[in-house]
PDB file of N, CA and C in Angstrom:
ATOM      1  N   MET A   1       0.814  -1.181   0.000  1.00  0.00           N
ATOM      2  CA  MET A   1       0.000   0.000   0.000  1.00  0.00           C
ATOM      3  C   MET A   1       0.869   1.261   0.000  1.00  0.00           C
ATOM      4  N   PHE A   2       1.932   1.248   0.826  1.00  0.00           N
ATOM      5  CA  PHE A   2       2.805   2.407   0.868  1.00  0.00           C
ATOM      6  C   PHE A   2       3.531   2.601  -0.456  1.00  0.00           C
ATOM      7  N   ARG A   3       3.802   1.510  -1.169  1.00  0.00           N
ATOM      8  CA  ARG A   3       4.427   1.629  -2.488  1.00  0.00           C
ATOM      9  C   ARG A   3       3.543   2.410  -3.436  1.00  0.00           C
ATOM     10  N   LYS A   4       2.244   2.134  -3.403  1.00  0.00           N
ATOM     11  CA  LYS A   4       1.306   2.849  -4.267  1.00  0.00           C
ATOM     12  C   LYS A   4       1.284   4.340  -3.915  1.00  0.00           C
ATOM     13  N   ILE A   5       1.297   4.646  -2.627  1.00  0.00           N
ATOM     14  CA  ILE A   5       1.284   6.040  -2.192  1.00  0.00           C
ATOM     15  C   ILE A   5       2.566   6.735  -2.648  1.00  0.00           C
ATOM     16  N   TYR A   6       3.714   6.095  -2.426  1.00  0.00           N
ATOM     17  CA  TYR A   6       4.979   6.692  -2.846  1.00  0.00           C
ATOM     18  C   TYR A   6       5.044   6.846  -4.358  1.00  0.00           C
ATOM     19  N   PHE A   7       4.531   5.849  -5.080  1.00  0.00           N
ATOM     20  CA  PHE A   7       4.515   5.940  -6.538  1.00  0.00           C
ATOM     21  C   PHE A   7       3.644   7.102  -6.994  1.00  0.00           C
ATOM     22  N   CYS A   8       2.464   7.257  -6.391  1.00  0.00           N
ATOM     23  CA  CYS A   8       1.575   8.375  -6.747  1.00  0.00           C
ATOM     24  C   CYS A   8       2.238   9.711  -6.447  1.00  0.00           C
ATOM     25  N   LEU A   9       2.907   9.821  -5.302  1.00  0.00           N
ATOM     26  CA  LEU A   9       3.613  11.058  -4.967  1.00  0.00           C
ATOM     27  C   LEU A   9       4.724  11.340  -5.971  1.00  0.00           C
ATOM     28  N   PHE A  10       5.450  10.302  -6.376  1.00  0.00           N
ATOM     29  CA  PHE A  10       6.508  10.461  -7.372  1.00  0.00           C
ATOM     30  C   PHE A  10       5.935  10.940  -8.698  1.00  0.00           C
ATOM     31  N   VAL A  11       4.837  10.336  -9.139  1.00  0.00           N
ATOM     32  CA  VAL A  11       4.211  10.727 -10.408  1.00  0.00           C
ATOM     33  C   VAL A  11       3.726  12.166 -10.337  1.00  0.00           C
ATOM     34  N   LEU A  12       3.086  12.546  -9.230  1.00  0.00           N
ATOM     35  CA  LEU A  12       2.613  13.921  -9.079  1.00  0.00           C
ATOM     36  C   LEU A  12       3.774  14.917  -9.094  1.00  0.00           C
ATOM     37  N   THR A  13       4.846  14.591  -8.398  1.00  0.00           N
ATOM     38  CA  THR A  13       6.011  15.477  -8.356  1.00  0.00           C
ATOM     39  C   THR A  13       6.640  15.596  -9.736  1.00  0.00           C
ATOM     40  N   ALA A  14       6.838  14.483 -10.411  1.00  0.00           N
ATOM     41  CA  ALA A  14       7.426  14.512 -11.753  1.00  0.00           C
ATOM     42  C   ALA A  14       6.531  15.274 -12.713  1.00  0.00           C
ATOM     43  N   SER A  15       5.220  15.082 -12.609  1.00  0.00           N
ATOM     44  CA  SER A  15       4.282  15.786 -13.487  1.00  0.00           C
ATOM     45  C   SER A  15       4.345  17.280 -13.277  1.00  0.00           C
ATOM     46  N   SER A  16       4.484  17.708 -12.031  1.00  0.00           N
ATOM     47  CA  SER A  16       4.532  19.148 -11.763  1.00  0.00           C
ATOM     48  C   SER A  16       5.799  19.766 -12.352  1.00  0.00           C
ATOM     49  N   PHE A  17       6.932  19.040 -12.319  1.00  0.00           N
ATOM     50  CA  PHE A  17       8.153  19.561 -12.927  1.00  0.00           C
ATOM     51  C   PHE A  17       8.016  19.646 -14.439  1.00  0.00           C
ATOM     52  N   VAL A  18       7.429  18.638 -15.044  1.00  0.00           N
ATOM     53  CA  VAL A  18       7.231  18.644 -16.497  1.00  0.00           C
ATOM     54  C   VAL A  18       6.297  19.776 -16.888  1.00  0.00           C
ATOM     55  N   TYR A  19       5.187  19.946 -16.161  1.00  0.00           N
ATOM     56  CA  TYR A  19       4.249  21.014 -16.474  1.00  0.00           C
ATOM     57  C   TYR A  19       4.905  22.376 -16.311  1.00  0.00           C
ATOM     58  N   SER A  20       5.667  22.539 -15.240  1.00  0.00           N
ATOM     59  CA  SER A  20       6.333  23.822 -14.992  1.00  0.00           C
ATOM     60  C   SER A  20       7.304  24.143 -16.125  1.00  0.00           C
ATOM     61  N   ALA A  21       8.083  23.174 -16.557  1.00  0.00           N
ATOM     62  CA  ALA A  21       9.011  23.400 -17.661  1.00  0.00           C
ATOM     63  C   ALA A  21       8.255  23.695 -18.949  1.00  0.00           C
ATOM     64  N   PHE A  22       7.164  22.995 -19.200  1.00  0.00           N
ATOM     65  CA  PHE A  22       6.346  23.239 -20.394  1.00  0.00           C
ATOM     66  C   PHE A  22       5.761  24.645 -20.365  1.00  0.00           C
ATOM     67  N   ALA A  23       5.191  25.029 -19.208  1.00  0.00           N
ATOM     68  CA  ALA A  23       4.566  26.351 -19.095  1.00  0.00           C
ATOM     69  C   ALA A  23       5.589  27.452 -19.284  1.00  0.00           C
ATOM     70  N   GLU A  24       6.764  27.300 -18.674  1.00  0.00           N
ATOM     71  CA  GLU A  24       7.785  28.340 -18.806  1.00  0.00           C
ATOM     72  C   GLU A  24       8.279  28.429 -20.236  1.00  0.00           C
ATOM     73  N   LYS A  25       8.445  27.301 -20.882  1.00  0.00           N
ATOM     74  CA  LYS A  25       8.953  27.294 -22.248  1.00  0.00           C
ATOM     75  C   LYS A  25       7.935  27.879 -23.224  1.00  0.00           C
ATOM     76  N   ASN A  26       6.648  27.662 -22.973  1.00  0.00           N
ATOM     77  CA  ASN A  26       5.617  28.097 -23.901  1.00  0.00           C
ATOM     78  C   ASN A  26       4.923  29.396 -23.500  1.00  0.00           C
ATOM     79  N   GLY A  27       5.255  29.958 -22.360  1.00  0.00           N
ATOM     80  CA  GLY A  27       4.677  31.226 -21.951  1.00  0.00           C
ATOM     81  C   GLY A  27       5.556  32.376 -22.397  1.00  0.00           C
ATOM     82  N   ASP A  28       4.924  33.509 -22.692  1.00  0.00           N
ATOM     83  CA  ASP A  28       5.672  34.703 -23.056  1.00  0.00           C
ATOM     84  C   ASP A  28       6.071  35.505 -21.825  1.00  0.00           C
ATOM     85  N   TYR A  29       5.208  35.468 -20.797  1.00  0.00           N
ATOM     86  CA  TYR A  29       5.428  36.276 -19.604  1.00  0.00           C
ATOM     87  C   TYR A  29       5.223  35.452 -18.344  1.00  0.00           C
ATOM     88  N   GLU A  30       5.998  35.797 -17.312  1.00  0.00           N
ATOM     89  CA  GLU A  30       5.804  35.248 -15.977  1.00  0.00           C
ATOM     90  C   GLU A  30       5.220  36.375 -15.136  1.00  0.00           C
ATOM     91  N   VAL A  31       4.012  36.173 -14.622  1.00  0.00           N
ATOM     92  CA  VAL A  31       3.322  37.202 -13.854  1.00  0.00           C
ATOM     93  C   VAL A  31       3.204  36.729 -12.410  1.00  0.00           C
ATOM     94  N   SER A  32       3.782  37.500 -11.504  1.00  0.00           N
ATOM     95  CA  SER A  32       3.676  37.219 -10.074  1.00  0.00           C
ATOM     96  C   SER A  32       2.689  38.212  -9.480  1.00  0.00           C
ATOM     97  N   ALA A  33       1.794  37.718  -8.651  1.00  0.00           N
ATOM     98  CA  ALA A  33       0.779  38.576  -8.047  1.00  0.00           C
ATOM     99  C   ALA A  33       0.702  38.294  -6.551  1.00  0.00           C
ATOM    100  N   ALA A  34       0.206  39.269  -5.823  1.00  0.00           N
ATOM    101  CA  ALA A  34      -0.167  39.098  -4.419  1.00  0.00           C
ATOM    102  C   ALA A  34      -1.536  39.727  -4.264  1.00  0.00           C
ATOM    103  N   ILE A  35      -2.450  38.985  -3.667  1.00  0.00           N
ATOM    104  CA  ILE A  35      -3.832  39.431  -3.534  1.00  0.00           C
ATOM    105  C   ILE A  35      -4.180  39.489  -2.056  1.00  0.00           C
ATOM    106  N   THR A  36      -4.614  40.681  -1.614  1.00  0.00           N
ATOM    107  CA  THR A  36      -5.054  40.834  -0.230  1.00  0.00           C
ATOM    108  C   THR A  36      -6.475  41.380  -0.203  1.00  0.00           C
ATOM    109  N   SER A  37      -7.171  41.052   0.868  1.00  0.00           N
ATOM    110  CA  SER A  37      -8.525  41.545   1.075  1.00  0.00           C
ATOM    111  C   SER A  37      -8.641  41.991   2.525  1.00  0.00           C
ATOM    112  N   ASN A  38      -8.928  43.270   2.723  1.00  0.00           N
ATOM    113  CA  ASN A  38      -9.020  43.838   4.074  1.00  0.00           C
ATOM    114  C   ASN A  38      -7.785  43.514   4.914  1.00  0.00           C
ATOM    115  N   GLY A  39      -6.610  43.604   4.291  1.00  0.00           N
ATOM    116  CA  GLY A  39      -5.351  43.392   4.985  1.00  0.00           C
ATOM    117  C   GLY A  39      -4.925  41.947   5.143  1.00  0.00           C
ATOM    118  N   VAL A  40      -5.728  40.991   4.677  1.00  0.00           N
ATOM    119  CA  VAL A  40      -5.400  39.564   4.787  1.00  0.00           C
ATOM    120  C   VAL A  40      -4.869  39.070   3.446  1.00  0.00           C
ATOM    121  N   LEU A  41      -3.662  38.497   3.460  1.00  0.00           N
ATOM    122  CA  LEU A  41      -3.093  37.936   2.236  1.00  0.00           C
ATOM    123  C   LEU A  41      -3.866  36.687   1.852  1.00  0.00           C
ATOM    124  N   LEU A  42      -4.473  36.715   0.665  1.00  0.00           N
ATOM    125  CA  LEU A  42      -5.249  35.566   0.186  1.00  0.00           C
ATOM    126  C   LEU A  42      -4.400  34.611  -0.631  1.00  0.00           C
ATOM    127  N   GLY A  43      -3.432  35.138  -1.371  1.00  0.00           N
ATOM    128  CA  GLY A  43      -2.601  34.271  -2.190  1.00  0.00           C
ATOM    129  C   GLY A  43      -1.533  35.033  -2.938  1.00  0.00           C
ATOM    130  N   LYS A  44      -0.535  34.276  -3.402  1.00  0.00           N
ATOM    131  CA  LYS A  44       0.559  34.828  -4.194  1.00  0.00           C
ATOM    132  C   LYS A  44       0.772  33.951  -5.433  1.00  0.00           C
ATOM    133  N   PRO A  45      -0.185  33.980  -6.358  1.00  0.00           N
ATOM    134  CA  PRO A  45      -0.051  33.122  -7.543  1.00  0.00           C
ATOM    135  C   PRO A  45       1.007  33.635  -8.520  1.00  0.00           C
ATOM    136  N   THR A  46       1.622  32.714  -9.232  1.00  0.00           N
ATOM    137  CA  THR A  46       2.516  33.024 -10.343  1.00  0.00           C
ATOM    138  C   THR A  46       1.981  32.297 -11.561  1.00  0.00           C
ATOM    139  N   LEU A  47       1.753  33.047 -12.646  1.00  0.00           N
ATOM    140  CA  LEU A  47       1.206  32.476 -13.869  1.00  0.00           C
ATOM    141  C   LEU A  47       2.176  32.688 -15.014  1.00  0.00           C
ATOM    142  N   PHE A  48       2.342  31.674 -15.844  1.00  0.00           N
ATOM    143  CA  PHE A  48       3.071  31.811 -17.098  1.00  0.00           C
ATOM    144  C   PHE A  48       2.012  31.991 -18.170  1.00  0.00           C
ATOM    145  N   VAL A  49       2.019  33.150 -18.832  1.00  0.00           N
ATOM    146  CA  VAL A  49       0.953  33.476 -19.766  1.00  0.00           C
ATOM    147  C   VAL A  49       1.493  33.713 -21.167  1.00  0.00           C
ATOM    148  N   ILE A  50       0.656  33.418 -22.126  1.00  0.00           N
ATOM    149  CA  ILE A  50       0.948  33.673 -23.540  1.00  0.00           C
ATOM    150  C   ILE A  50       0.310  35.001 -23.903  1.00  0.00           C
ATOM    151  N   SER A  51       1.029  35.818 -24.622  1.00  0.00           N
ATOM    152  CA  SER A  51       0.548  37.136 -25.010  1.00  0.00           C
ATOM    153  C   SER A  51      -0.835  37.053 -25.655  1.00  0.00           C
ATOM    154  N   GLY A  52      -1.778  37.844 -25.122  1.00  0.00           N
ATOM    155  CA  GLY A  52      -3.119  37.919 -25.686  1.00  0.00           C
ATOM    156  C   GLY A  52      -4.060  36.800 -25.308  1.00  0.00           C
ATOM    157  N   VAL A  53      -3.604  35.846 -24.502  1.00  0.00           N
ATOM    158  CA  VAL A  53      -4.434  34.701 -24.115  1.00  0.00           C
ATOM    159  C   VAL A  53      -4.839  34.861 -22.645  1.00  0.00           C
ATOM    160  N   ASP A  54      -6.132  34.697 -22.358  1.00  0.00           N
ATOM    161  CA  ASP A  54      -6.619  34.803 -20.985  1.00  0.00           C
ATOM    162  C   ASP A  54      -6.061  33.679 -20.122  1.00  0.00           C
ATOM    163  N   ALA A  55      -5.673  34.046 -18.904  1.00  0.00           N
ATOM    164  CA  ALA A  55      -5.199  33.075 -17.919  1.00  0.00           C
ATOM    165  C   ALA A  55      -5.907  33.370 -16.607  1.00  0.00           C
ATOM    166  N   SER A  56      -6.123  32.336 -15.807  1.00  0.00           N
ATOM    167  CA  SER A  56      -6.784  32.572 -14.521  1.00  0.00           C
ATOM    168  C   SER A  56      -6.439  31.477 -13.526  1.00  0.00           C
ATOM    169  N   VAL A  57      -6.651  31.824 -12.275  1.00  0.00           N
ATOM    170  CA  VAL A  57      -6.496  30.870 -11.181  1.00  0.00           C
ATOM    171  C   VAL A  57      -7.612  31.160 -10.192  1.00  0.00           C
ATOM    172  N   GLN A  58      -8.154  30.099  -9.596  1.00  0.00           N
ATOM    173  CA  GLN A  58      -9.241  30.261  -8.639  1.00  0.00           C
ATOM    174  C   GLN A  58      -8.963  29.393  -7.429  1.00  0.00           C
ATOM    175  N   VAL A  59      -9.157  29.980  -6.251  1.00  0.00           N
ATOM    176  CA  VAL A  59      -8.989  29.276  -4.990  1.00  0.00           C
ATOM    177  C   VAL A  59     -10.305  29.395  -4.239  1.00  0.00           C
ATOM    178  N   SER A  60     -10.848  28.271  -3.796  1.00  0.00           N
ATOM    179  CA  SER A  60     -12.134  28.310  -3.095  1.00  0.00           C
ATOM    180  C   SER A  60     -11.912  28.375  -1.586  1.00  0.00           C
ATOM    181  N   GLY A  61     -12.977  28.608  -0.874  1.00  0.00           N
ATOM    182  CA  GLY A  61     -12.919  28.656   0.579  1.00  0.00           C
ATOM    183  C   GLY A  61     -13.212  30.042   1.110  1.00  0.00           C
ATOM    184  N   GLU A  62     -13.147  30.155   2.423  1.00  0.00           N
ATOM    185  CA  GLU A  62     -13.462  31.419   3.089  1.00  0.00           C
ATOM    186  C   GLU A  62     -12.562  32.555   2.609  1.00  0.00           C
ATOM    187  N   ASN A  63     -11.291  32.280   2.409  1.00  0.00           N
ATOM    188  CA  ASN A  63     -10.353  33.282   1.917  1.00  0.00           C
ATOM    189  C   ASN A  63     -10.028  33.044   0.447  1.00  0.00           C
ATOM    190  N   GLY A  64     -10.998  32.576  -0.305  1.00  0.00           N
ATOM    191  CA  GLY A  64     -10.801  32.276  -1.712  1.00  0.00           C
ATOM    192  C   GLY A  64     -10.817  33.527  -2.578  1.00  0.00           C
ATOM    193  N   TYR A  65     -10.408  33.337  -3.815  1.00  0.00           N
ATOM    194  CA  TYR A  65     -10.384  34.424  -4.783  1.00  0.00           C
ATOM    195  C   TYR A  65     -10.345  33.849  -6.191  1.00  0.00           C
ATOM    196  N   LYS A  66     -10.651  34.693  -7.156  1.00  0.00           N
ATOM    197  CA  LYS A  66     -10.456  34.353  -8.561  1.00  0.00           C
ATOM    198  C   LYS A  66      -9.651  35.492  -9.173  1.00  0.00           C
ATOM    199  N   PHE A  67      -8.561  35.129  -9.823  1.00  0.00           N
ATOM    200  CA  PHE A  67      -7.665  36.096 -10.447  1.00  0.00           C
ATOM    201  C   PHE A  67      -7.570  35.758 -11.926  1.00  0.00           C
ATOM    202  N   SER A  68      -7.944  36.714 -12.788  1.00  0.00           N
ATOM    203  CA  SER A  68      -7.883  36.535 -14.239  1.00  0.00           C
ATOM    204  C   SER A  68      -6.978  37.610 -14.819  1.00  0.00           C
ATOM    205  N   LEU A  69      -6.323  37.278 -15.935  1.00  0.00           N
ATOM    206  CA  LEU A  69      -5.320  38.176 -16.486  1.00  0.00           C
ATOM    207  C   LEU A  69      -5.166  37.962 -17.979  1.00  0.00           C
ATOM    208  N   ASN A  70      -4.899  39.058 -18.693  1.00  0.00           N
ATOM    209  CA  ASN A  70      -4.548  39.012 -20.109  1.00  0.00           C
ATOM    210  C   ASN A  70      -3.433  40.035 -20.310  1.00  0.00           C
ATOM    211  N   VAL A  71      -2.316  39.603 -20.853  1.00  0.00           N
ATOM    212  CA  VAL A  71      -1.148  40.467 -21.035  1.00  0.00           C
ATOM    213  C   VAL A  71      -0.840  40.589 -22.525  1.00  0.00           C
ATOM    214  N   THR A  72      -0.691  41.829 -23.001  1.00  0.00           N
ATOM    215  CA  THR A  72      -0.301  42.069 -24.389  1.00  0.00           C
ATOM    216  C   THR A  72       0.875  43.045 -24.409  1.00  0.00           C
ATOM    217  N   PRO A  73       1.808  42.846 -25.321  1.00  0.00           N
ATOM    218  CA  PRO A  73       2.984  43.713 -25.366  1.00  0.00           C
ATOM    219  C   PRO A  73       2.645  45.113 -25.865  1.00  0.00           C
ATOM    220  N   SER A  74       3.421  46.077 -25.403  1.00  0.00           N
ATOM    221  CA  SER A  74       3.330  47.468 -25.816  1.00  0.00           C
ATOM    222  C   SER A  74       4.760  47.965 -26.046  1.00  0.00           C
ATOM    223  N   PRO A  75       4.908  49.128 -26.655  1.00  0.00           N
ATOM    224  CA  PRO A  75       6.260  49.647 -26.903  1.00  0.00           C
ATOM    225  C   PRO A  75       7.012  49.985 -25.610  1.00  0.00           C
ATOM    226  N   ASN A  76       8.297  50.165 -25.742  1.00  0.00           N
ATOM    227  CA  ASN A  76       9.162  50.659 -24.664  1.00  0.00           C
ATOM    228  C   ASN A  76       9.208  49.770 -23.432  1.00  0.00           C
ATOM    229  N   ASN A  77       9.316  48.453 -23.628  1.00  0.00           N
ATOM    230  CA  ASN A  77       9.468  47.515 -22.524  1.00  0.00           C
ATOM    231  C   ASN A  77       8.281  47.546 -21.553  1.00  0.00           C
ATOM    232  N   THR A  78       7.072  47.743 -22.094  1.00  0.00           N
ATOM    233  CA  THR A  78       5.869  47.750 -21.272  1.00  0.00           C
ATOM    234  C   THR A  78       4.868  46.725 -21.806  1.00  0.00           C
ATOM    235  N   VAL A  79       3.895  46.407 -20.974  1.00  0.00           N
ATOM    236  CA  VAL A  79       2.799  45.514 -21.372  1.00  0.00           C
ATOM    237  C   VAL A  79       1.489  46.104 -20.854  1.00  0.00           C
ATOM    238  N   LEU A  80       0.403  45.787 -21.532  1.00  0.00           N
ATOM    239  CA  LEU A  80      -0.928  46.120 -21.048  1.00  0.00           C
ATOM    240  C   LEU A  80      -1.451  44.881 -20.333  1.00  0.00           C
ATOM    241  N   ALA A  81      -1.729  45.031 -19.050  1.00  0.00           N
ATOM    242  CA  ALA A  81      -2.250  43.929 -18.239  1.00  0.00           C
ATOM    243  C   ALA A  81      -3.689  44.234 -17.857  1.00  0.00           C
ATOM    244  N   LYS A  82      -4.617  43.481 -18.430  1.00  0.00           N
ATOM    245  CA  LYS A  82      -6.031  43.597 -18.065  1.00  0.00           C
ATOM    246  C   LYS A  82      -6.308  42.478 -17.065  1.00  0.00           C
ATOM    247  N   SER A  83      -6.737  42.870 -15.870  1.00  0.00           N
ATOM    248  CA  SER A  83      -6.908  41.868 -14.821  1.00  0.00           C
ATOM    249  C   SER A  83      -8.252  42.002 -14.129  1.00  0.00           C
ATOM    250  N   SER A  84      -8.582  40.969 -13.394  1.00  0.00           N
ATOM    251  CA  SER A  84      -9.811  40.932 -12.610  1.00  0.00           C
ATOM    252  C   SER A  84      -9.529  40.128 -11.354  1.00  0.00           C
ATOM    253  N   VAL A  85      -9.926  40.688 -10.228  1.00  0.00           N
ATOM    254  CA  VAL A  85      -9.795  39.988  -8.951  1.00  0.00           C
ATOM    255  C   VAL A  85     -11.160  39.993  -8.285  1.00  0.00           C
ATOM    256  N   LYS A  86     -11.636  38.817  -7.924  1.00  0.00           N
ATOM    257  CA  LYS A  86     -12.917  38.683  -7.220  1.00  0.00           C
ATOM    258  C   LYS A  86     -12.649  37.999  -5.891  1.00  0.00           C
ATOM    259  N   THR A  87     -13.056  38.654  -4.815  1.00  0.00           N
ATOM    260  CA  THR A  87     -12.919  38.090  -3.476  1.00  0.00           C
ATOM    261  C   THR A  87     -14.274  38.134  -2.786  1.00  0.00           C
ATOM    262  N   ASN A  88     -14.350  37.553  -1.601  1.00  0.00           N
ATOM    263  CA  ASN A  88     -15.597  37.590  -0.834  1.00  0.00           C
ATOM    264  C   ASN A  88     -15.945  39.000  -0.388  1.00  0.00           C
ATOM    265  N   SER A  89     -14.934  39.885  -0.314  1.00  0.00           N
ATOM    266  CA  SER A  89     -15.205  41.239   0.177  1.00  0.00           C
ATOM    267  C   SER A  89     -15.284  42.287  -0.923  1.00  0.00           C
ATOM    268  N   GLY A  90     -14.978  41.917  -2.176  1.00  0.00           N
ATOM    269  CA  GLY A  90     -15.071  42.897  -3.252  1.00  0.00           C
ATOM    270  C   GLY A  90     -14.362  42.447  -4.512  1.00  0.00           C
ATOM    271  N   ASP A  91     -14.522  43.244  -5.544  1.00  0.00           N
ATOM    272  CA  ASP A  91     -13.932  42.945  -6.850  1.00  0.00           C
ATOM    273  C   ASP A  91     -13.211  44.179  -7.365  1.00  0.00           C
ATOM    274  N   ILE A  92     -12.136  43.967  -8.127  1.00  0.00           N
ATOM    275  CA  ILE A  92     -11.492  45.046  -8.864  1.00  0.00           C
ATOM    276  C   ILE A  92     -11.160  44.533 -10.265  1.00  0.00           C
ATOM    277  N   ASN A  93     -11.135  45.439 -11.238  1.00  0.00           N
ATOM    278  CA  ASN A  93     -10.881  45.078 -12.635  1.00  0.00           C
ATOM    279  C   ASN A  93      -9.922  46.089 -13.278  1.00  0.00           C
ATOM    280  N   PRO A  94      -8.684  46.172 -12.782  1.00  0.00           N
ATOM    281  CA  PRO A  94      -7.773  47.170 -13.332  1.00  0.00           C
ATOM    282  C   PRO A  94      -7.181  46.763 -14.683  1.00  0.00           C
ATOM    283  N   SER A  95      -6.998  47.768 -15.540  1.00  0.00           N
ATOM    284  CA  SER A  95      -6.223  47.631 -16.776  1.00  0.00           C
ATOM    285  C   SER A  95      -5.032  48.563 -16.613  1.00  0.00           C
ATOM    286  N   LEU A  96      -3.833  47.996 -16.608  1.00  0.00           N
ATOM    287  CA  LEU A  96      -2.642  48.762 -16.287  1.00  0.00           C
ATOM    288  C   LEU A  96      -1.581  48.649 -17.372  1.00  0.00           C
ATOM    289  N   MET A  97      -0.904  49.740 -17.650  1.00  0.00           N
ATOM    290  CA  MET A  97       0.281  49.720 -18.493  1.00  0.00           C
ATOM    291  C   MET A  97       1.454  49.535 -17.527  1.00  0.00           C
ATOM    292  N   LEU A  98       2.113  48.373 -17.616  1.00  0.00           N
ATOM    293  CA  LEU A  98       3.166  48.023 -16.669  1.00  0.00           C
ATOM    294  C   LEU A  98       4.520  47.979 -17.353  1.00  0.00           C
ATOM    295  N   GLU A  99       5.521  48.462 -16.653  1.00  0.00           N
ATOM    296  CA  GLU A  99       6.891  48.313 -17.129  1.00  0.00           C
ATOM    297  C   GLU A  99       7.368  46.928 -16.707  1.00  0.00           C
ATOM    298  N   ILE A 100       7.951  46.198 -17.644  1.00  0.00           N
ATOM    299  CA  ILE A 100       8.429  44.851 -17.347  1.00  0.00           C
ATOM    300  C   ILE A 100       9.501  44.928 -16.270  1.00  0.00           C
ATOM    301  N   GLY A 101       9.337  44.103 -15.234  1.00  0.00           N
ATOM    302  CA  GLY A 101      10.299  44.042 -14.147  1.00  0.00           C
ATOM    303  C   GLY A 101      10.042  44.996 -12.995  1.00  0.00           C
ATOM    304  N   LYS A 102       8.977  45.787 -13.058  1.00  0.00           N
ATOM    305  CA  LYS A 102       8.654  46.715 -11.968  1.00  0.00           C
ATOM    306  C   LYS A 102       7.266  46.407 -11.422  1.00  0.00           C
ATOM    307  N   GLU A 103       7.193  46.277 -10.105  1.00  0.00           N
ATOM    308  CA  GLU A 103       5.927  45.954  -9.453  1.00  0.00           C
ATOM    309  C   GLU A 103       4.980  47.152  -9.448  1.00  0.00           C
ATOM    310  N   SER A 104       3.701  46.863  -9.635  1.00  0.00           N
ATOM    311  CA  SER A 104       2.644  47.871  -9.537  1.00  0.00           C
ATOM    312  C   SER A 104       1.618  47.395  -8.524  1.00  0.00           C
ATOM    313  N   ILE A 105       0.963  48.367  -7.866  1.00  0.00           N
ATOM    314  CA  ILE A 105      -0.020  48.053  -6.839  1.00  0.00           C
ATOM    315  C   ILE A 105      -1.313  48.817  -7.126  1.00  0.00           C
ATOM    316  N   VAL A 106      -2.440  48.101  -7.033  1.00  0.00           N
ATOM    317  CA  VAL A 106      -3.760  48.704  -7.191  1.00  0.00           C
ATOM    318  C   VAL A 106      -4.565  48.369  -5.940  1.00  0.00           C
ATOM    319  N   LYS A 107      -5.241  49.396  -5.379  1.00  0.00           N
ATOM    320  CA  LYS A 107      -6.084  49.197  -4.193  1.00  0.00           C
ATOM    321  C   LYS A 107      -7.454  49.795  -4.457  1.00  0.00           C
ATOM    322  N   SER A 108      -8.489  49.068  -4.049  1.00  0.00           N
ATOM    323  CA  SER A 108      -9.846  49.587  -4.166  1.00  0.00           C
ATOM    324  C   SER A 108     -10.777  48.769  -3.281  1.00  0.00           C
ATOM    325  N   ASP A 109     -11.571  49.458  -2.480  1.00  0.00           N
ATOM    326  CA  ASP A 109     -12.592  48.814  -1.643  1.00  0.00           C
ATOM    327  C   ASP A 109     -12.063  47.641  -0.823  1.00  0.00           C
ATOM    328  N   GLY A 110     -10.888  47.793  -0.238  1.00  0.00           N
ATOM    329  CA  GLY A 110     -10.325  46.746   0.614  1.00  0.00           C
ATOM    330  C   GLY A 110      -9.582  45.656  -0.121  1.00  0.00           C
ATOM    331  N   VAL A 111      -9.633  45.634  -1.453  1.00  0.00           N
ATOM    332  CA  VAL A 111      -8.922  44.629  -2.243  1.00  0.00           C
ATOM    333  C   VAL A 111      -7.644  45.273  -2.781  1.00  0.00           C
ATOM    334  N   GLU A 112      -6.540  44.568  -2.640  1.00  0.00           N
ATOM    335  CA  GLU A 112      -5.247  45.064  -3.102  1.00  0.00           C
ATOM    336  C   GLU A 112      -4.598  44.017  -4.000  1.00  0.00           C
ATOM    337  N   LEU A 113      -4.065  44.482  -5.140  1.00  0.00           N
ATOM    338  CA  LEU A 113      -3.413  43.595  -6.104  1.00  0.00           C
ATOM    339  C   LEU A 113      -2.017  44.122  -6.397  1.00  0.00           C
ATOM    340  N   HIS A 114      -1.023  43.290  -6.186  1.00  0.00           N
ATOM    341  CA  HIS A 114       0.358  43.583  -6.553  1.00  0.00           C
ATOM    342  C   HIS A 114       0.668  42.767  -7.799  1.00  0.00           C
ATOM    343  N   LEU A 115       1.198  43.395  -8.832  1.00  0.00           N
ATOM    344  CA  LEU A 115       1.536  42.697 -10.079  1.00  0.00           C
ATOM    345  C   LEU A 115       2.979  42.976 -10.459  1.00  0.00           C
ATOM    346  N   LEU A 116       3.677  41.917 -10.872  1.00  0.00           N
ATOM    347  CA  LEU A 116       5.024  42.032 -11.401  1.00  0.00           C
ATOM    348  C   LEU A 116       5.097  41.149 -12.644  1.00  0.00           C
ATOM    349  N   VAL A 117       5.408  41.761 -13.784  1.00  0.00           N
ATOM    350  CA  VAL A 117       5.468  41.040 -15.048  1.00  0.00           C
ATOM    351  C   VAL A 117       6.926  40.984 -15.506  1.00  0.00           C
ATOM    352  N   ASN A 118       7.387  39.781 -15.843  1.00  0.00           N
ATOM    353  CA  ASN A 118       8.711  39.582 -16.409  1.00  0.00           C
ATOM    354  C   ASN A 118       8.572  38.735 -17.669  1.00  0.00           C
ATOM    355  N   LYS A 119       9.536  38.830 -18.550  1.00  0.00           N
ATOM    356  CA  LYS A 119       9.548  37.944 -19.701  1.00  0.00           C
ATOM    357  C   LYS A 119       9.900  36.553 -19.190  1.00  0.00           C
ATOM    358  N   ALA A 120       9.210  35.546 -19.682  1.00  0.00           N
ATOM    359  CA  ALA A 120       9.425  34.171 -19.232  1.00  0.00           C
ATOM    360  C   ALA A 120      10.860  33.746 -19.537  1.00  0.00           C
ATOM    361  N   GLY A 121      11.440  33.058 -18.569  1.00  0.00           N
ATOM    362  CA  GLY A 121      12.796  32.547 -18.744  1.00  0.00           C
ATOM    363  C   GLY A 121      13.873  33.556 -18.467  1.00  0.00           C
ATOM    364  N   SER A 122      13.524  34.773 -18.053  1.00  0.00           N
ATOM    365  CA  SER A 122      14.578  35.742 -17.765  1.00  0.00           C
ATOM    366  C   SER A 122      14.767  35.957 -16.287  1.00  0.00           C
TER     367      SER A 122
END
């Protein structure tokens, strides 16, 4: 029985490494975010996204959230990041022109979003 458990853990671990390498290789941007609601950190997701393609992550529960994002390139080392954050205490939908490699922060109605966009693999 323990062999099956260890084998499943090995397969899950190996799969996560393969997926991570695939996502990094096929994503244009690595987006790191921090989401807070009324001062409580809900999550710090990192997404590898393809330019112009919607990406999202959702976490359920009392401190759950849904974070959606679309990143498109712009001139002068910037990107347009259209995002949406939905929490139990509120929602925000900022569209931001971000400089690659510099963190930006948006706050509204108790919801705070930190975004950092880098080119994937850099």
